[in-house]
């Protein structure tokens, strides 16, 4: 079963959820602000995704900008980044799709088609 992590007010998350529904893909829904990912979950997803940890940050978010993370991230350790991401769901890029062998960050329709429709 897919885990779909979203912020319900996010328009991209709404588009992604509609896409999943339109394609008959079943998922478990999780509100990222109410149920923030743990350090362990983020570590696991990062390892599964094989993308740099900085890609997990919501760079267009107000919190990211107000904390001036663009300038701070390059000098942060992986443990510091994981701690920061786990401290507030609004720092995490969304939506996220997670299953046993897939982690998709953000909604890119072509990538979702390739990874989710060919299973």
Protein backbone atom coordinates (compact mmCIF):
# COMPACT_ATOMS: atom_id res chain seq x y z
CA UNK A 1 0.00 0.00 0.00
CA UNK A 2 1.30 3.45 -0.93
CA UNK A 3 1.74 6.12 1.70
CA UNK A 4 0.70 9.56 0.39
CA UNK A 5 2.05 12.38 2.55
CA UNK A 6 0.47 15.74 1.91
CA UNK A 7 -0.50 19.12 3.25
CA UNK A 8 -4.22 19.30 2.32
CA UNK A 9 -4.19 23.04 1.56
CA UNK A 10 -1.32 22.62 -0.93
CA UNK A 11 -2.56 22.90 -4.54
CA UNK A 12 0.16 20.55 -5.83
CA UNK A 13 -0.89 17.96 -3.24
CA UNK A 14 -4.51 18.30 -4.38
CA UNK A 15 -3.45 17.74 -8.00
CA UNK A 16 -1.39 14.71 -7.01
CA UNK A 17 -4.25 13.23 -4.97
CA UNK A 18 -6.65 13.71 -7.89
CA UNK A 19 -4.12 12.00 -10.17
CA UNK A 20 -3.91 9.00 -7.82
CA UNK A 21 -7.71 8.82 -7.60
CA UNK A 22 -8.13 9.17 -11.38
CA UNK A 23 -5.74 6.25 -11.92
CA UNK A 24 -7.41 4.05 -9.30
CA UNK A 25 -4.28 3.87 -7.16
CA UNK A 26 -5.00 3.03 -3.54
CA UNK A 27 -3.07 4.84 -0.83
CA UNK A 28 -3.01 5.74 2.83
CA UNK A 29 -3.25 9.48 3.37
CA UNK A 30 -1.09 11.28 5.95
CA UNK A 31 -1.24 14.97 6.90
CA UNK A 32 2.37 16.17 7.10
CA UNK A 33 1.69 18.94 9.62
CA UNK A 34 -0.33 16.78 12.01
CA UNK A 35 1.90 13.70 11.66
CA UNK A 36 5.38 14.99 10.93
CA UNK A 37 7.93 12.47 9.60
CA UNK A 38 10.40 11.20 12.20
CA UNK A 39 14.17 11.28 11.80
CA UNK A 40 14.12 7.50 11.28
CA UNK A 41 11.47 7.71 8.56
CA UNK A 42 13.30 10.52 6.78
CA UNK A 43 16.60 8.61 6.97
CA UNK A 44 14.93 5.51 5.51
CA UNK A 45 13.22 7.47 2.72
CA UNK A 46 16.43 9.31 1.89
CA UNK A 47 18.34 6.03 1.56
CA UNK A 48 15.58 4.50 -0.60
CA UNK A 49 15.29 7.56 -2.84
CA UNK A 50 18.96 7.92 -3.77
CA UNK A 51 18.51 11.70 -4.11
CA UNK A 52 20.43 14.29 -2.10
CA UNK A 53 18.85 15.04 1.28
CA UNK A 54 18.49 18.72 0.37
CA UNK A 55 15.84 17.65 -2.21
CA UNK A 56 13.56 16.79 0.73
CA UNK A 57 13.34 20.48 1.71
CA UNK A 58 10.37 22.59 0.65
CA UNK A 59 12.47 25.41 -0.81
CA UNK A 60 9.42 27.47 -1.79
CA UNK A 61 7.97 27.44 1.72
CA UNK A 62 7.78 30.51 3.94
CA UNK A 63 9.48 28.72 6.83
CA UNK A 64 12.41 27.67 4.63
CA UNK A 65 12.86 31.28 3.50
CA UNK A 66 12.40 32.84 6.94
CA UNK A 67 15.04 30.49 8.38
CA UNK A 68 17.40 31.44 5.52
CA UNK A 69 18.08 27.76 4.88
CA UNK A 70 19.31 28.37 1.33
CA UNK A 71 22.47 29.78 2.88
CA UNK A 72 22.66 27.39 5.85
CA UNK A 73 22.02 23.97 4.25
CA UNK A 74 25.37 23.68 2.41
CA UNK A 75 27.27 23.73 5.71
CA UNK A 76 24.89 21.48 7.65
CA UNK A 77 25.59 17.81 8.38
CA UNK A 78 23.15 15.12 7.31
CA UNK A 79 22.12 14.61 10.96
CA UNK A 80 21.41 18.34 11.33
CA UNK A 81 19.31 18.34 8.16
CA UNK A 82 17.34 15.27 9.28
CA UNK A 83 16.73 16.88 12.67
CA UNK A 84 15.51 20.05 11.02
CA UNK A 85 13.22 18.23 8.59
CA UNK A 86 11.71 16.20 11.42
CA UNK A 87 11.08 19.32 13.51
CA UNK A 88 8.36 20.77 11.24
CA UNK A 89 6.42 19.15 8.40
CA UNK A 90 6.23 22.48 6.58
CA UNK A 91 9.97 22.18 5.85
CA UNK A 92 9.44 18.92 3.94
CA UNK A 93 8.77 18.99 0.21
CA UNK A 94 5.43 17.47 -0.61
CA UNK A 95 3.61 15.50 -1.69
CA UNK A 96 5.61 12.39 -0.90
CA UNK A 97 4.82 8.90 -2.15
CA UNK A 98 6.38 6.02 -0.28
CA UNK A 99 6.10 2.26 -0.65
CA UNK A 100 8.47 -0.67 -0.22
CA UNK A 101 10.82 0.31 -3.04
CA UNK A 102 9.76 3.79 -4.16
CA UNK A 103 10.08 7.32 -2.79
CA UNK A 104 8.74 10.15 -4.95
CA UNK A 105 9.26 13.73 -3.83
CA UNK A 106 6.95 16.38 -5.25
CA UNK A 107 4.44 15.79 -8.03
CA UNK A 108 5.98 15.21 -11.44
CA UNK A 109 3.30 13.52 -13.51
CA UNK A 110 5.68 11.82 -15.95
CA UNK A 111 7.79 10.36 -13.13
CA UNK A 112 4.66 9.19 -11.29
CA UNK A 113 3.36 7.50 -14.44
CA UNK A 114 6.67 5.66 -14.91
CA UNK A 115 6.98 4.55 -11.28
CA UNK A 116 3.35 3.95 -10.26
CA UNK A 117 1.52 2.77 -13.37
CA UNK A 118 4.05 0.15 -14.38
CA UNK A 119 3.97 -1.84 -11.12
